């Protein structure tokens, strides 16, 4: 397994079939990170290709410094809103919801500061499991 930094929130790429989608997601996230002041470490390593939220929950959930991670999977890269997965690593490792790429910075900041719980975000998602506000 790749050694991952513990000082930053991660966005892990788990699909390598759409480079244009990955570049679009990166561009959206770079702009929002600048505006919000949040830092996001992009992990673009083929060792994570095909990993599911459940697998990542098990693999990364043992780190007490990290309670969640973001994931760019095939759905993230293909959809117009680029809905990024937010994966719980603490309470119920592997459970997840999606947030449109433009909302990643706000979710990151709230989860890092524990201003909003993972459960609260799950309740705020639309019927399709995506957070859009």
N, C-alpha and C. Protein backbone atom coordinates (compact mmCIF):
# COMPACT_ATOMS: atom_id res chain seq x y z
N UNK A 1 0.83 -1.18 0.00
CA UNK A 1 0.00 0.00 0.00
C UNK A 1 0.88 1.25 0.00
N UNK A 2 0.41 2.27 -0.64
CA UNK A 2 1.12 3.53 -0.74
C UNK A 2 1.02 4.27 0.59
N UNK A 3 2.12 4.86 1.01
CA UNK A 3 2.10 5.66 2.23
C UNK A 3 1.45 7.00 1.91
N UNK A 4 0.43 7.34 2.66
CA UNK A 4 -0.32 8.56 2.40
C UNK A 4 -0.06 9.59 3.50
N UNK A 5 -0.04 10.85 3.14
CA UNK A 5 0.18 11.88 4.16
C UNK A 5 -1.02 11.97 5.10
N UNK A 6 -0.77 12.26 6.35
CA UNK A 6 -1.86 12.39 7.32
C UNK A 6 -2.20 13.85 7.60
N UNK A 7 -1.43 14.76 7.04
CA UNK A 7 -1.64 16.18 7.34
C UNK A 7 -2.62 16.87 6.40
N UNK A 8 -3.18 16.14 5.46
CA UNK A 8 -4.13 16.73 4.52
C UNK A 8 -5.26 15.77 4.22
N UNK A 9 -6.38 16.36 3.84
CA UNK A 9 -7.49 15.56 3.36
C UNK A 9 -7.15 15.08 1.96
N UNK A 10 -7.54 13.85 1.66
CA UNK A 10 -7.20 13.23 0.40
C UNK A 10 -8.37 13.19 -0.57
N UNK A 11 -8.04 13.28 -1.85
CA UNK A 11 -8.96 12.93 -2.93
C UNK A 11 -8.26 11.84 -3.71
N UNK A 12 -8.81 10.64 -3.65
CA UNK A 12 -8.18 9.47 -4.25
C UNK A 12 -8.88 9.13 -5.56
N UNK A 13 -8.12 9.06 -6.62
CA UNK A 13 -8.65 8.65 -7.92
C UNK A 13 -8.70 7.14 -7.96
N UNK A 14 -9.90 6.59 -8.25
CA UNK A 14 -10.04 5.14 -8.31
C UNK A 14 -10.45 4.64 -9.70
N UNK A 15 -10.51 5.55 -10.66
CA UNK A 15 -10.84 5.16 -12.04
C UNK A 15 -9.85 5.84 -12.97
N UNK A 16 -9.27 5.06 -13.88
CA UNK A 16 -8.26 5.58 -14.78
C UNK A 16 -8.67 5.48 -16.24
N UNK A 17 -9.99 5.45 -16.49
CA UNK A 17 -10.49 5.32 -17.85
C UNK A 17 -10.90 6.62 -18.50
N UNK A 18 -10.81 7.75 -17.78
CA UNK A 18 -11.29 9.01 -18.32
C UNK A 18 -10.37 10.14 -17.88
N UNK A 19 -9.29 10.32 -18.60
CA UNK A 19 -8.32 11.37 -18.23
C UNK A 19 -8.91 12.77 -18.36
N UNK A 20 -9.76 12.99 -19.36
CA UNK A 20 -10.37 14.31 -19.53
C UNK A 20 -11.28 14.63 -18.34
N UNK A 21 -12.02 13.65 -17.86
CA UNK A 21 -12.86 13.85 -16.68
C UNK A 21 -12.03 14.16 -15.45
N UNK A 22 -10.92 13.46 -15.29
CA UNK A 22 -10.02 13.70 -14.15
C UNK A 22 -9.47 15.13 -14.20
N UNK A 23 -9.07 15.58 -15.37
CA UNK A 23 -8.55 16.94 -15.51
C UNK A 23 -9.63 17.98 -15.19
N UNK A 24 -10.86 17.70 -15.59
CA UNK A 24 -11.97 18.62 -15.30
C UNK A 24 -12.22 18.70 -13.79
N UNK A 25 -12.21 17.56 -13.13
CA UNK A 25 -12.42 17.53 -11.67
C UNK A 25 -11.30 18.29 -10.98
N UNK A 26 -10.08 18.03 -11.38
CA UNK A 26 -8.93 18.73 -10.78
C UNK A 26 -9.05 20.23 -10.94
N UNK A 27 -9.45 20.69 -12.11
CA UNK A 27 -9.59 22.13 -12.35
C UNK A 27 -10.66 22.74 -11.46
N UNK A 28 -11.79 22.06 -11.35
CA UNK A 28 -12.86 22.56 -10.48
C UNK A 28 -12.41 22.63 -9.02
N UNK A 29 -11.73 21.60 -8.57
CA UNK A 29 -11.31 21.55 -7.17
C UNK A 29 -10.20 22.55 -6.88
N UNK A 30 -9.33 22.79 -7.81
CA UNK A 30 -8.24 23.75 -7.59
C UNK A 30 -8.81 25.15 -7.37
N UNK A 31 -9.79 25.52 -8.15
CA UNK A 31 -10.41 26.83 -8.00
C UNK A 31 -11.10 27.00 -6.67
N UNK A 32 -11.81 25.98 -6.24
CA UNK A 32 -12.55 26.09 -4.98
C UNK A 32 -11.63 26.02 -3.77
N UNK A 33 -10.55 25.26 -3.87
CA UNK A 33 -9.60 25.20 -2.77
C UNK A 33 -8.95 26.56 -2.56
N UNK A 34 -8.62 27.23 -3.66
CA UNK A 34 -8.03 28.58 -3.55
C UNK A 34 -8.99 29.52 -2.85
N UNK A 35 -10.27 29.45 -3.23
CA UNK A 35 -11.26 30.36 -2.67
C UNK A 35 -11.57 30.08 -1.20
N UNK A 36 -11.53 28.83 -0.80
CA UNK A 36 -11.92 28.47 0.57
C UNK A 36 -10.75 28.40 1.53
N UNK A 37 -9.54 28.23 1.00
CA UNK A 37 -8.38 28.09 1.87
C UNK A 37 -8.15 26.67 2.35
N UNK A 38 -8.96 25.72 1.89
CA UNK A 38 -8.76 24.32 2.27
C UNK A 38 -7.66 23.71 1.41
N UNK A 39 -7.00 22.70 1.95
CA UNK A 39 -5.98 21.99 1.19
C UNK A 39 -6.43 20.57 0.95
N UNK A 40 -6.26 20.13 -0.26
CA UNK A 40 -6.69 18.79 -0.66
C UNK A 40 -5.52 18.12 -1.37
N UNK A 41 -5.13 16.98 -0.90
CA UNK A 41 -4.03 16.23 -1.52
C UNK A 41 -4.62 15.27 -2.54
N UNK A 42 -4.26 15.43 -3.81
CA UNK A 42 -4.75 14.56 -4.87
C UNK A 42 -3.86 13.33 -4.96
N UNK A 43 -4.48 12.17 -4.90
CA UNK A 43 -3.76 10.90 -4.99
C UNK A 43 -4.13 10.26 -6.32
N UNK A 44 -3.17 10.30 -7.24
CA UNK A 44 -3.38 9.81 -8.60
C UNK A 44 -2.45 8.60 -8.80
N UNK A 45 -2.76 7.53 -8.09
CA UNK A 45 -1.91 6.33 -8.08
C UNK A 45 -2.72 5.12 -8.55
N UNK A 46 -2.23 4.42 -9.54
CA UNK A 46 -2.95 3.26 -10.08
C UNK A 46 -3.15 2.15 -9.06
N UNK A 47 -2.43 2.17 -7.97
CA UNK A 47 -2.63 1.17 -6.92
C UNK A 47 -4.05 1.23 -6.37
N UNK A 48 -4.73 2.36 -6.55
CA UNK A 48 -6.10 2.52 -6.05
C UNK A 48 -7.15 2.24 -7.13
N UNK A 49 -6.73 1.86 -8.31
CA UNK A 49 -7.66 1.60 -9.41
C UNK A 49 -8.69 0.54 -9.02
N UNK A 50 -9.97 0.88 -9.16
CA UNK A 50 -11.04 -0.05 -8.89
C UNK A 50 -11.44 -0.19 -7.43
N UNK A 51 -10.79 0.51 -6.52
CA UNK A 51 -11.13 0.40 -5.10
C UNK A 51 -12.55 0.92 -4.86
N UNK A 52 -13.27 0.23 -4.02
CA UNK A 52 -14.62 0.63 -3.64
C UNK A 52 -14.56 1.45 -2.35
N UNK A 53 -15.63 2.17 -2.03
CA UNK A 53 -15.66 2.89 -0.76
C UNK A 53 -15.46 1.95 0.44
N UNK A 54 -16.02 0.75 0.35
CA UNK A 54 -15.88 -0.21 1.45
C UNK A 54 -14.42 -0.62 1.62
N UNK A 55 -13.74 -0.88 0.52
CA UNK A 55 -12.33 -1.25 0.59
C UNK A 55 -11.49 -0.11 1.16
N UNK A 56 -11.76 1.10 0.71
CA UNK A 56 -11.02 2.25 1.23
C UNK A 56 -11.32 2.48 2.70
N UNK A 57 -12.56 2.23 3.10
CA UNK A 57 -12.92 2.36 4.51
C UNK A 57 -12.10 1.44 5.39
N UNK A 58 -11.90 0.22 4.92
CA UNK A 58 -11.09 -0.74 5.67
C UNK A 58 -9.62 -0.34 5.64
N UNK A 59 -9.13 -0.01 4.46
CA UNK A 59 -7.70 0.29 4.29
C UNK A 59 -7.27 1.58 4.98
N UNK A 60 -8.11 2.59 4.95
CA UNK A 60 -7.72 3.89 5.50
C UNK A 60 -8.35 4.19 6.86
N UNK A 61 -9.34 3.41 7.24
CA UNK A 61 -10.09 3.70 8.47
C UNK A 61 -9.33 3.49 9.76
N UNK A 62 -8.21 2.82 9.71
CA UNK A 62 -7.44 2.57 10.93
C UNK A 62 -6.64 3.79 11.37
N UNK A 63 -6.58 4.83 10.55
CA UNK A 63 -5.81 6.03 10.86
C UNK A 63 -6.67 6.98 11.69
N UNK A 64 -6.35 7.20 12.96
CA UNK A 64 -7.17 8.07 13.81
C UNK A 64 -7.13 9.53 13.39
N UNK A 65 -6.18 9.91 12.56
CA UNK A 65 -6.06 11.29 12.10
C UNK A 65 -6.97 11.60 10.91
N UNK A 66 -7.61 10.60 10.36
CA UNK A 66 -8.41 10.80 9.15
C UNK A 66 -9.79 10.19 9.36
N UNK A 67 -10.83 11.02 9.33
CA UNK A 67 -12.19 10.52 9.54
C UNK A 67 -12.99 10.37 8.25
N UNK A 68 -12.47 10.92 7.15
CA UNK A 68 -13.16 10.80 5.86
C UNK A 68 -12.13 11.00 4.76
N UNK A 69 -12.52 10.61 3.55
CA UNK A 69 -11.71 10.88 2.37
C UNK A 69 -12.64 11.14 1.20
N UNK A 70 -12.14 11.82 0.21
CA UNK A 70 -12.87 12.03 -1.03
C UNK A 70 -12.36 11.03 -2.06
N UNK A 71 -13.26 10.63 -2.98
CA UNK A 71 -12.91 9.66 -4.01
C UNK A 71 -13.46 10.13 -5.35
N UNK A 72 -12.61 10.07 -6.36
CA UNK A 72 -13.02 10.33 -7.74
C UNK A 72 -13.09 8.99 -8.45
N UNK A 73 -14.31 8.48 -8.63
CA UNK A 73 -14.51 7.20 -9.29
C UNK A 73 -15.05 7.43 -10.70
N UNK A 74 -15.47 6.37 -11.36
CA UNK A 74 -15.96 6.48 -12.74
C UNK A 74 -17.16 7.43 -12.83
N UNK A 75 -18.07 7.37 -11.87
CA UNK A 75 -19.23 8.27 -11.89
C UNK A 75 -18.82 9.72 -11.72
N UNK A 76 -17.84 9.97 -10.87
CA UNK A 76 -17.34 11.33 -10.67
C UNK A 76 -16.81 11.89 -11.98
N UNK A 77 -16.01 11.10 -12.66
CA UNK A 77 -15.34 11.58 -13.86
C UNK A 77 -16.30 11.75 -15.04
N UNK A 78 -17.35 10.95 -15.10
CA UNK A 78 -18.24 10.94 -16.26
C UNK A 78 -19.39 11.95 -16.18
N UNK A 79 -19.89 12.22 -14.99
CA UNK A 79 -21.08 13.06 -14.84
C UNK A 79 -20.75 14.54 -14.98
N UNK A 80 -21.70 15.30 -15.48
CA UNK A 80 -21.50 16.73 -15.73
C UNK A 80 -21.17 17.50 -14.44
N UNK A 81 -21.80 17.14 -13.32
CA UNK A 81 -21.55 17.84 -12.05
C UNK A 81 -20.31 17.31 -11.32
N UNK A 82 -19.73 16.25 -11.84
CA UNK A 82 -18.56 15.61 -11.22
C UNK A 82 -18.79 15.38 -9.72
N UNK A 83 -19.82 14.57 -9.38
CA UNK A 83 -20.11 14.32 -7.96
C UNK A 83 -19.07 13.42 -7.30
N UNK A 84 -18.30 14.00 -6.42
CA UNK A 84 -17.21 13.33 -5.73
C UNK A 84 -17.78 12.52 -4.57
N UNK A 85 -17.28 11.31 -4.38
CA UNK A 85 -17.69 10.51 -3.23
C UNK A 85 -17.01 11.04 -1.96
N UNK A 86 -17.76 11.08 -0.88
CA UNK A 86 -17.20 11.38 0.44
C UNK A 86 -17.36 10.09 1.24
N UNK A 87 -16.26 9.51 1.65
CA UNK A 87 -16.27 8.19 2.29
C UNK A 87 -15.95 8.33 3.77
N UNK A 88 -16.82 7.79 4.60
CA UNK A 88 -16.62 7.77 6.05
C UNK A 88 -15.52 6.77 6.38
N UNK A 89 -14.56 7.21 7.18
CA UNK A 89 -13.48 6.33 7.62
C UNK A 89 -13.51 6.11 9.13
N UNK A 90 -14.45 6.73 9.83
CA UNK A 90 -14.43 6.69 11.30
C UNK A 90 -15.60 5.92 11.89
N UNK A 91 -16.81 6.46 11.75
CA UNK A 91 -17.96 5.86 12.43
C UNK A 91 -18.43 4.56 11.80
N UNK A 92 -18.65 4.58 10.49
CA UNK A 92 -19.06 3.39 9.74
C UNK A 92 -18.25 3.35 8.45
N UNK A 93 -17.00 2.91 8.55
CA UNK A 93 -16.10 2.96 7.40
C UNK A 93 -16.71 2.34 6.14
N UNK A 94 -16.64 3.13 5.07
CA UNK A 94 -17.14 2.67 3.78
C UNK A 94 -18.45 3.30 3.37
N UNK A 95 -19.24 3.78 4.31
CA UNK A 95 -20.49 4.42 3.87
C UNK A 95 -20.12 5.73 3.19
N UNK A 96 -20.97 6.17 2.27
CA UNK A 96 -20.58 7.32 1.45
C UNK A 96 -21.79 8.08 0.95
N UNK A 97 -21.54 9.31 0.58
CA UNK A 97 -22.49 10.12 -0.16
C UNK A 97 -21.68 10.88 -1.20
N UNK A 98 -22.36 11.53 -2.11
CA UNK A 98 -21.68 12.31 -3.14
C UNK A 98 -21.96 13.80 -2.93
N UNK A 99 -20.98 14.60 -3.32
CA UNK A 99 -21.14 16.05 -3.32
C UNK A 99 -20.63 16.56 -4.67
N UNK A 100 -21.37 17.48 -5.28
CA UNK A 100 -20.91 18.03 -6.54
C UNK A 100 -19.54 18.67 -6.31
N UNK A 101 -18.71 18.64 -7.33
CA UNK A 101 -17.33 19.11 -7.18
C UNK A 101 -17.25 20.53 -6.64
N UNK A 102 -18.19 21.37 -7.03
CA UNK A 102 -18.17 22.75 -6.54
C UNK A 102 -18.47 22.86 -5.05
N UNK A 103 -18.97 21.80 -4.43
CA UNK A 103 -19.27 21.81 -3.00
C UNK A 103 -18.24 21.11 -2.14
N UNK A 104 -17.20 20.56 -2.74
CA UNK A 104 -16.21 19.78 -1.99
C UNK A 104 -15.54 20.61 -0.90
N UNK A 105 -15.11 21.82 -1.22
CA UNK A 105 -14.38 22.63 -0.24
C UNK A 105 -15.23 22.90 1.00
N UNK A 106 -16.51 23.20 0.83
CA UNK A 106 -17.38 23.48 1.97
C UNK A 106 -17.57 22.24 2.84
N UNK A 107 -17.78 21.09 2.20
CA UNK A 107 -17.93 19.84 2.95
C UNK A 107 -16.63 19.50 3.67
N UNK A 108 -15.53 19.66 2.99
CA UNK A 108 -14.22 19.38 3.60
C UNK A 108 -14.02 20.22 4.86
N UNK A 109 -14.25 21.50 4.73
CA UNK A 109 -14.05 22.40 5.87
C UNK A 109 -14.96 22.03 7.03
N UNK A 110 -16.23 21.78 6.75
CA UNK A 110 -17.18 21.45 7.83
C UNK A 110 -16.84 20.13 8.51
N UNK A 111 -16.46 19.11 7.74
CA UNK A 111 -16.11 17.82 8.33
C UNK A 111 -14.79 17.91 9.11
N UNK A 112 -13.82 18.66 8.60
CA UNK A 112 -12.56 18.82 9.32
C UNK A 112 -12.76 19.53 10.65
N UNK A 113 -13.61 20.53 10.67
CA UNK A 113 -13.88 21.29 11.90
C UNK A 113 -14.94 20.64 12.77
N UNK A 114 -15.57 19.58 12.27
CA UNK A 114 -16.67 18.89 12.95
C UNK A 114 -17.85 19.84 13.20
N UNK A 115 -18.06 20.79 12.28
CA UNK A 115 -19.21 21.69 12.37
C UNK A 115 -20.49 21.00 11.91
N UNK A 116 -20.34 20.04 11.02
CA UNK A 116 -21.46 19.27 10.49
C UNK A 116 -21.03 17.81 10.52
N UNK A 117 -21.93 16.94 10.94
CA UNK A 117 -21.59 15.52 11.02
C UNK A 117 -21.81 14.83 9.67
N UNK A 118 -21.17 13.69 9.52
CA UNK A 118 -21.35 12.87 8.33
C UNK A 118 -22.83 12.52 8.17
N UNK A 119 -23.47 12.15 9.29
CA UNK A 119 -24.90 11.80 9.26
C UNK A 119 -25.76 12.96 8.78
N UNK A 120 -25.43 14.17 9.22
CA UNK A 120 -26.20 15.34 8.79
C UNK A 120 -26.10 15.53 7.28
N UNK A 121 -24.92 15.32 6.74
CA UNK A 121 -24.77 15.42 5.28
C UNK A 121 -25.55 14.33 4.57
N UNK A 122 -25.53 13.14 5.10
CA UNK A 122 -26.30 12.05 4.48
C UNK A 122 -27.79 12.42 4.40
N UNK A 123 -28.31 13.05 5.44
CA UNK A 123 -29.73 13.44 5.45
C UNK A 123 -30.03 14.57 4.47
N UNK A 124 -29.03 15.38 4.12
CA UNK A 124 -29.25 16.53 3.24
C UNK A 124 -29.11 16.20 1.76
N UNK A 125 -28.71 14.99 1.44
CA UNK A 125 -28.53 14.61 0.03
C UNK A 125 -29.87 14.51 -0.69
N UNK A 126 -29.84 14.78 -1.97
CA UNK A 126 -31.02 14.59 -2.81
C UNK A 126 -31.33 13.11 -2.90
N UNK A 127 -32.45 12.77 -3.52
CA UNK A 127 -32.88 11.37 -3.65
C UNK A 127 -31.83 10.50 -4.35
N UNK A 128 -31.03 11.10 -5.21
CA UNK A 128 -30.00 10.34 -5.93
C UNK A 128 -28.71 10.21 -5.13
N UNK A 129 -28.70 10.66 -3.87
CA UNK A 129 -27.54 10.52 -3.02
C UNK A 129 -26.48 11.59 -3.20
N UNK A 130 -26.82 12.67 -3.90
CA UNK A 130 -25.86 13.75 -4.17
C UNK A 130 -26.25 15.00 -3.39
N UNK A 131 -25.26 15.60 -2.74
CA UNK A 131 -25.43 16.86 -2.03
C UNK A 131 -25.16 18.00 -3.02
N UNK A 132 -26.13 18.88 -3.15
CA UNK A 132 -26.00 19.96 -4.14
C UNK A 132 -26.09 21.35 -3.53
N UNK A 133 -26.25 21.49 -2.25
CA UNK A 133 -26.39 22.86 -1.69
C UNK A 133 -25.12 23.37 -1.09
